[in-house]
Amino acid sequence: MRVARINLAPVKGLALQHPDEVELTERGVESNRRFYLIQGRRLYNGKDHGPLVRVVPAVDGNRLALRFPDGQEVAGVWELGEPLSTSFWGRAVTGRLVHGPWADALSAYSGDAVQLVRTDEPGTATDVHVGTLVSHASCERLGQALGRISAAAGPRGPGCGRGGDP
């Protein structure tokens, strides 16, 4: 099997990253969705504020940086706070609040009071499964259904999340 592109999100709901390689375990890519947002105690994501996908996260050890569309960057070393549990579509995900400048910056950007949480265990902040494979043929079929010539055009061309159109 040839993999055309890998998508992962260190912070659920923020911009995707496209590494050249990852280690896939039974829990998926362990750095994928290790952080997520809440409003109150409820999961907060792109369904609540679509432009979150324009905020680019970078995680290096215990350092987190967020680059906003206007070029502003908020970065620092994260510290864990109080434990909590968040419902992910009826499934409890445990984590800890993250102390640092990120919640204020994301709240200002979204217009909602949000907090950042780090999961206790890798692989728990996924929607349903720890990974998804999508074939080029599926992308082509999707493109046809959407009335496009090709949903899987080019090595990083438009369609099926490979550059261009999301």
Foldseek 3Di string as FASTA:
>chain_A
DDDLWDWADLEAQEATDTDPDADQDQLGRQSGNQKFKDAPQEGDHCVLPVQNNQWDWDDDPQKIWTAHPVRDIFIDGKDFADKDWYDLPNDTFIWTWIDGDVQVVVCVVRVGRMTMTGTPGGNPPDNPHSDDDDDLVNFQVVCVVVVHNGQNPDSQDHHPNRHDDD
